[in-house]
C-alpha atoms as a PDB file:
ATOM      1  CA  MET A   1      82.629 -84.901 104.159  1.00  0.00           C
ATOM      2  CA  PRO A   2      82.428 -87.155 107.507  1.00  0.00           C
ATOM      3  CA  LYS A   3      81.215 -90.672 106.681  1.00  0.00           C
ATOM      4  CA  GLU A   4      77.866 -91.807 108.592  1.00  0.00           C
ATOM      5  CA  SER A   5      77.589 -92.545 111.851  1.00  0.00           C
ATOM      6  CA  ARG A   6      78.843 -96.259 113.009  1.00  0.00           C
ATOM      7  CA  LYS A   7      77.024 -98.485 115.303  1.00  0.00           C
ATOM      8  CA  ILE A   8      77.373 -97.667 118.774  1.00  0.00           C
ATOM      9  CA  TRP A   9      78.571-100.624 121.120  1.00  0.00           C
ATOM     10  CA  ASP A  10      76.977-100.455 124.480  1.00  0.00           C
ATOM     11  CA  HIS A  11      79.042-101.018 127.473  1.00  0.00           C
ATOM     12  CA  SER A  12      76.151-100.740 129.905  1.00  0.00           C
ATOM     13  CA  ASN A  13      76.550-103.726 131.645  1.00  0.00           C
ATOM     14  CA  LEU A  14      80.282-103.286 132.574  1.00  0.00           C
ATOM     15  CA  LEU A  15      80.271 -99.645 132.968  1.00  0.00           C
ATOM     16  CA  GLU A  16      77.357 -97.488 133.838  1.00  0.00           C
ATOM     17  CA  GLY A  17      76.394 -94.656 131.436  1.00  0.00           C
ATOM     18  CA  ILE A  18      79.088 -94.974 128.948  1.00  0.00           C
ATOM     19  CA  SER A  19      78.724 -96.359 125.512  1.00  0.00           C
ATOM     20  CA  VAL A  20      81.384 -95.841 122.903  1.00  0.00           C
ATOM     21  CA  LYS A  21      81.467 -95.710 118.958  1.00  0.00           C
ATOM     22  CA  GLU A  22      82.908 -98.257 116.439  1.00  0.00           C
ATOM     23  CA  ILE A  23      85.364 -97.233 113.689  1.00  0.00           C
ATOM     24  CA  PRO A  24      85.678 -99.732 111.057  1.00  0.00           C
ATOM     25  CA  LEU A  25      88.891-100.622 109.634  1.00  0.00           C
ATOM     26  CA  THR A  26      90.551-102.938 107.138  1.00  0.00           C
ATOM     27  CA  GLN A  27      90.632-106.600 107.723  1.00  0.00           C
ATOM     28  CA  GLY A  28      86.866-107.010 109.454  1.00  0.00           C
ATOM     29  CA  LYS A  29      88.218-105.093 112.375  1.00  0.00           C
ATOM     30  CA  VAL A  30      86.975-102.189 114.251  1.00  0.00           C
ATOM     31  CA  THR A  31      87.926 -99.876 116.972  1.00  0.00           C
ATOM     32  CA  LEU A  32      86.366 -98.202 119.564  1.00  0.00           C
ATOM     33  CA  VAL A  33      86.552 -94.534 120.435  1.00  0.00           C
ATOM     34  CA  ASP A  34      84.634 -92.529 123.046  1.00  0.00           C
ATOM     35  CA  ASP A  35      81.750 -90.248 121.875  1.00  0.00           C
ATOM     36  CA  GLU A  36      83.659 -87.570 122.059  1.00  0.00           C
ATOM     37  CA  ASP A  37      86.374 -88.386 119.814  1.00  0.00           C
ATOM     38  CA  PHE A  38      84.082 -90.015 116.828  1.00  0.00           C
ATOM     39  CA  ASP A  39      83.346 -87.274 114.810  1.00  0.00           C
ATOM     40  CA  TYR A  40      86.742 -85.670 114.537  1.00  0.00           C
ATOM     41  CA  LEU A  41      88.206 -89.433 113.899  1.00  0.00           C
ATOM     42  CA  ASN A  42      85.669 -90.803 111.634  1.00  0.00           C
ATOM     43  CA  GLN A  43      86.627 -88.228 109.141  1.00  0.00           C
ATOM     44  CA  PHE A  44      89.586 -90.278 108.280  1.00  0.00           C
ATOM     45  CA  LYS A  45      90.196 -93.526 106.715  1.00  0.00           C
ATOM     46  CA  TRP A  46      91.690 -95.778 109.381  1.00  0.00           C
ATOM     47  CA  TYR A  47      93.321 -99.453 108.589  1.00  0.00           C
ATOM     48  CA  ALA A  48      93.749-102.266 111.127  1.00  0.00           C
ATOM     49  CA  ARG A  49      97.946-103.032 111.441  1.00  0.00           C
ATOM     50  CA  LYS A  50      98.951-105.902 113.529  1.00  0.00           C
ATOM     51  CA  SER A  51     102.356-105.269 115.826  1.00  0.00           C
ATOM     52  CA  LYS A  52     103.226-108.702 117.041  1.00  0.00           C
ATOM     53  CA  LYS A  53      99.935-110.355 118.507  1.00  0.00           C
ATOM     54  CA  THR A  54      98.221-107.122 118.675  1.00  0.00           C
ATOM     55  CA  PHE A  55      95.997-105.272 116.203  1.00  0.00           C
ATOM     56  CA  TYR A  56      96.351-101.358 116.183  1.00  0.00           C
ATOM     57  CA  ALA A  57      94.664 -98.558 114.038  1.00  0.00           C
ATOM     58  CA  PHE A  58      96.379 -96.275 111.939  1.00  0.00           C
ATOM     59  CA  ARG A  59      96.088 -94.345 109.173  1.00  0.00           C
ATOM     60  CA  GLY A  60      98.542 -92.998 106.064  1.00  0.00           C
ATOM     61  CA  VAL A  61      98.953 -89.087 105.774  1.00  0.00           C
ATOM     62  CA  ASN A  62     101.180 -87.758 102.761  1.00  0.00           C
ATOM     63  CA  ILE A  63     103.911 -85.767 103.545  1.00  0.00           C
ATOM     64  CA  ASN A  64     106.335 -84.101 101.170  1.00  0.00           C
ATOM     65  CA  LYS A  65     105.611 -87.612  98.543  1.00  0.00           C
ATOM     66  CA  LYS A  66     105.709 -90.414 101.346  1.00  0.00           C
ATOM     67  CA  VAL A  67     102.701 -91.843 103.098  1.00  0.00           C
ATOM     68  CA  ILE A  68     103.638 -91.933 107.096  1.00  0.00           C
ATOM     69  CA  GLY A  69     101.565 -93.965 109.359  1.00  0.00           C
ATOM     70  CA  PHE A  70      99.602 -92.608 112.436  1.00  0.00           C
ATOM     71  CA  SER A  71      98.555 -94.194 115.072  1.00  0.00           C
ATOM     72  CA  LEU A  72      94.619 -93.723 116.493  1.00  0.00           C
ATOM     73  CA  HIS A  73      95.601 -94.289 119.984  1.00  0.00           C
ATOM     74  CA  ARG A  74      98.288 -91.428 119.822  1.00  0.00           C
ATOM     75  CA  SER A  75      95.884 -89.154 118.049  1.00  0.00           C
ATOM     76  CA  ILE A  76      93.595 -89.167 121.223  1.00  0.00           C
ATOM     77  CA  MET A  77      96.268 -89.256 124.066  1.00  0.00           C
ATOM     78  CA  ASN A  78      98.744 -86.581 121.930  1.00  0.00           C
ATOM     79  CA  PRO A  79     101.714 -87.963 124.394  1.00  0.00           C
ATOM     80  CA  PRO A  80     104.975 -86.371 124.409  1.00  0.00           C
ATOM     81  CA  VAL A  81     107.359 -87.970 121.606  1.00  0.00           C
ATOM     82  CA  ASN A  82     109.510 -90.243 124.370  1.00  0.00           C
ATOM     83  CA  MET A  83     106.429 -91.658 125.908  1.00  0.00           C
ATOM     84  CA  GLU A  84     104.050 -94.977 125.135  1.00  0.00           C
ATOM     85  CA  ILE A  85     100.397 -95.363 125.235  1.00  0.00           C
ATOM     86  CA  ASP A  86      99.437 -98.376 127.115  1.00  0.00           C
ATOM     87  CA  HIS A  87      96.405-100.074 126.575  1.00  0.00           C
ATOM     88  CA  ILE A  88      95.672-101.557 129.611  1.00  0.00           C
ATOM     89  CA  ASN A  89      93.125-104.365 128.883  1.00  0.00           C
ATOM     90  CA  GLY A  90      95.350-105.633 126.454  1.00  0.00           C
ATOM     91  CA  ASN A  91      93.296-104.466 123.191  1.00  0.00           C
ATOM     92  CA  GLY A  92      95.080-102.346 121.066  1.00  0.00           C
ATOM     93  CA  LEU A  93      91.757-101.534 119.267  1.00  0.00           C
ATOM     94  CA  ASP A  94      89.948-100.860 122.251  1.00  0.00           C
ATOM     95  CA  ASN A  95      90.553 -96.433 122.119  1.00  0.00           C
ATOM     96  CA  GLN A  96      88.607 -95.366 124.929  1.00  0.00           C
ATOM     97  CA  LYS A  97      90.730 -92.651 127.146  1.00  0.00           C
ATOM     98  CA  GLU A  98      90.145 -94.917 130.320  1.00  0.00           C
ATOM     99  CA  ASN A  99      91.733 -97.727 128.861  1.00  0.00           C
ATOM    100  CA  MET A 100      94.639 -95.754 127.585  1.00  0.00           C
ATOM    101  CA  ARG A 101      97.451 -94.169 129.837  1.00  0.00           C
ATOM    102  CA  ILE A 102     100.847 -92.218 128.807  1.00  0.00           C
ATOM    103  CA  VAL A 103     103.819 -94.421 130.427  1.00  0.00           C
ATOM    104  CA  THR A 104     107.240 -94.833 130.387  1.00  0.00           C
ATOM    105  CA  SER A 105     108.347 -98.082 127.859  1.00  0.00           C
ATOM    106  CA  ARG A 106     109.354 -99.518 130.728  1.00  0.00           C
ATOM    107  CA  GLN A 107     105.906 -99.334 132.254  1.00  0.00           C
ATOM    108  CA  ASN A 108     104.750-100.370 128.887  1.00  0.00           C
ATOM    109  CA  ALA A 109     106.828-103.800 128.894  1.00  0.00           C
ATOM    110  CA  GLN A 110     105.274-104.525 132.464  1.00  0.00           C
ATOM    111  CA  ASN A 111     101.789-104.791 130.988  1.00  0.00           C
ATOM    112  CA  ARG A 112     103.116-107.333 128.048  1.00  0.00           C
ATOM    113  CA  HIS A 113     102.210-111.086 128.692  1.00  0.00           C
ATOM    114  CA  ILE A 114     103.321-113.583 125.958  1.00  0.00           C
ATOM    115  CA  LYS A 115     100.821-116.459 126.625  1.00  0.00           C
ATOM    116  CA  LYS A 116      96.853-116.092 127.793  1.00  0.00           C
ATOM    117  CA  SER A 117      94.064-118.064 128.348  1.00  0.00           C
ATOM    118  CA  SER A 118      92.307-114.675 128.270  1.00  0.00           C
ATOM    119  CA  HIS A 119      91.374-111.756 126.330  1.00  0.00           C
ATOM    120  CA  TYR A 120      92.286-109.275 128.975  1.00  0.00           C
ATOM    121  CA  VAL A 121      95.846-108.741 130.130  1.00  0.00           C
ATOM    122  CA  GLY A 122      96.411-109.889 133.758  1.00  0.00           C
ATOM    123  CA  VAL A 123      93.601-112.421 133.991  1.00  0.00           C
ATOM    124  CA  SER A 124      94.060-116.093 133.376  1.00  0.00           C
ATOM    125  CA  TRP A 125      92.179-119.516 133.762  1.00  0.00           C
ATOM    126  CA  ASP A 126      92.346-122.197 136.509  1.00  0.00           C
ATOM    127  CA  THR A 127      91.716-125.262 135.477  1.00  0.00           C
ATOM    128  CA  LYS A 128      92.179-126.593 138.955  1.00  0.00           C
ATOM    129  CA  SER A 129      89.765-124.568 140.683  1.00  0.00           C
ATOM    130  CA  LYS A 130      87.898-123.338 137.086  1.00  0.00           C
ATOM    131  CA  LYS A 131      87.939-120.030 138.049  1.00  0.00           C
ATOM    132  CA  TRP A 132      89.329-116.441 136.597  1.00  0.00           C
ATOM    133  CA  PHE A 133      92.588-115.167 138.485  1.00  0.00           C
ATOM    134  CA  ALA A 134      93.791-111.847 138.497  1.00  0.00           C
ATOM    135  CA  ARG A 135      97.819-111.294 138.958  1.00  0.00           C
ATOM    136  CA  ILE A 136      99.740-108.223 138.182  1.00  0.00           C
ATOM    137  CA  ARG A 137     103.314-108.120 137.969  1.00  0.00           C
ATOM    138  CA  VAL A 138     105.320-105.016 139.430  1.00  0.00           C
ATOM    139  CA  ARG A 139     109.110-104.892 139.749  1.00  0.00           C
ATOM    140  CA  GLY A 140     109.299-108.552 138.573  1.00  0.00           C
ATOM    141  CA  ILE A 141     107.112-109.507 141.232  1.00  0.00           C
ATOM    142  CA  SER A 142     103.852-111.420 140.411  1.00  0.00           C
ATOM    143  CA  ARG A 143     100.987-109.712 143.123  1.00  0.00           C
ATOM    144  CA  TYR A 144      97.886-112.449 143.326  1.00  0.00           C
ATOM    145  CA  LEU A 145      94.676-109.958 142.876  1.00  0.00           C
ATOM    146  CA  GLY A 146      91.814-112.336 143.232  1.00  0.00           C
ATOM    147  CA  SER A 147      90.140-115.295 141.817  1.00  0.00           C
ATOM    148  CA  PHE A 148      86.673-114.721 140.047  1.00  0.00           C
ATOM    149  CA  LYS A 149      83.782-116.576 138.648  1.00  0.00           C
ATOM    150  CA  ASN A 150      83.775-114.869 135.556  1.00  0.00           C
ATOM    151  CA  GLU A 151      86.541-113.298 133.396  1.00  0.00           C
ATOM    152  CA  ILE A 152      85.285-109.754 133.437  1.00  0.00           C
ATOM    153  CA  ASP A 153      85.203-109.386 136.759  1.00  0.00           C
ATOM    154  CA  ALA A 154      89.087-110.424 137.091  1.00  0.00           C
ATOM    155  CA  ALA A 155      89.725-108.031 134.300  1.00  0.00           C
ATOM    156  CA  ALA A 156      87.889-105.162 136.194  1.00  0.00           C
ATOM    157  CA  MET A 157      90.414-105.820 139.646  1.00  0.00           C
ATOM    158  CA  TYR A 158      93.436-105.871 137.222  1.00  0.00           C
ATOM    159  CA  ARG A 159      92.059-102.575 136.007  1.00  0.00           C
ATOM    160  CA  VAL A 160      91.272-100.916 138.757  1.00  0.00           C
ATOM    161  CA  THR A 161      94.759-102.375 140.139  1.00  0.00           C
ATOM    162  CA  CYS A 162      96.583-100.563 137.314  1.00  0.00           C
ATOM    163  CA  ALA A 163      94.678 -97.314 137.843  1.00  0.00           C
ATOM    164  CA  VAL A 164      95.960 -97.282 141.342  1.00  0.00           C
ATOM    165  CA  LEU A 165      99.269 -98.333 140.780  1.00  0.00           C
ATOM    166  CA  PHE A 166     100.067 -95.993 137.587  1.00  0.00           C
ATOM    167  CA  PRO A 167      97.796 -93.087 137.742  1.00  0.00           C
ATOM    168  CA  GLN A 168      97.678 -91.046 135.010  1.00  0.00           C
ATOM    169  CA  SER A 169      99.651 -87.676 135.354  1.00  0.00           C
ATOM    170  CA  PRO A 170      97.212 -84.681 135.425  1.00  0.00           C
END
């Protein structure tokens, strides 16, 4: 029996006409999924699992008396075994299809950052100018994408640049 419907988180101030739903996880966390994926995914119990500095949504499945962990992002994107899922904005709990792309391990490593002043990948705060900067690293070279008055605009620039540089395969 499916669980009751969860609260809808409205992104309309960022992306016109798009709303997503939250699925509760353990540790007081929630994961965001597209409306079209919600009913299927919400029938399972998901838990929050931390990997390095990022949380991801997982569920356990009993196979031959052994519990195997399956990630929610791989369940949605269904990539080949040798490929990975990149969460473009760096939030492993944001499992909207527009925030995920199927990539090689090398491509995924390009999107990793060690120290951040922002919640978004590719965005940092410049204390001198008091603005948010967007940057992307491609083939070891850091590229300046612009400075912005707010963090969301800088994140949007980074996200658009990723979509242009690393388009998803059909």
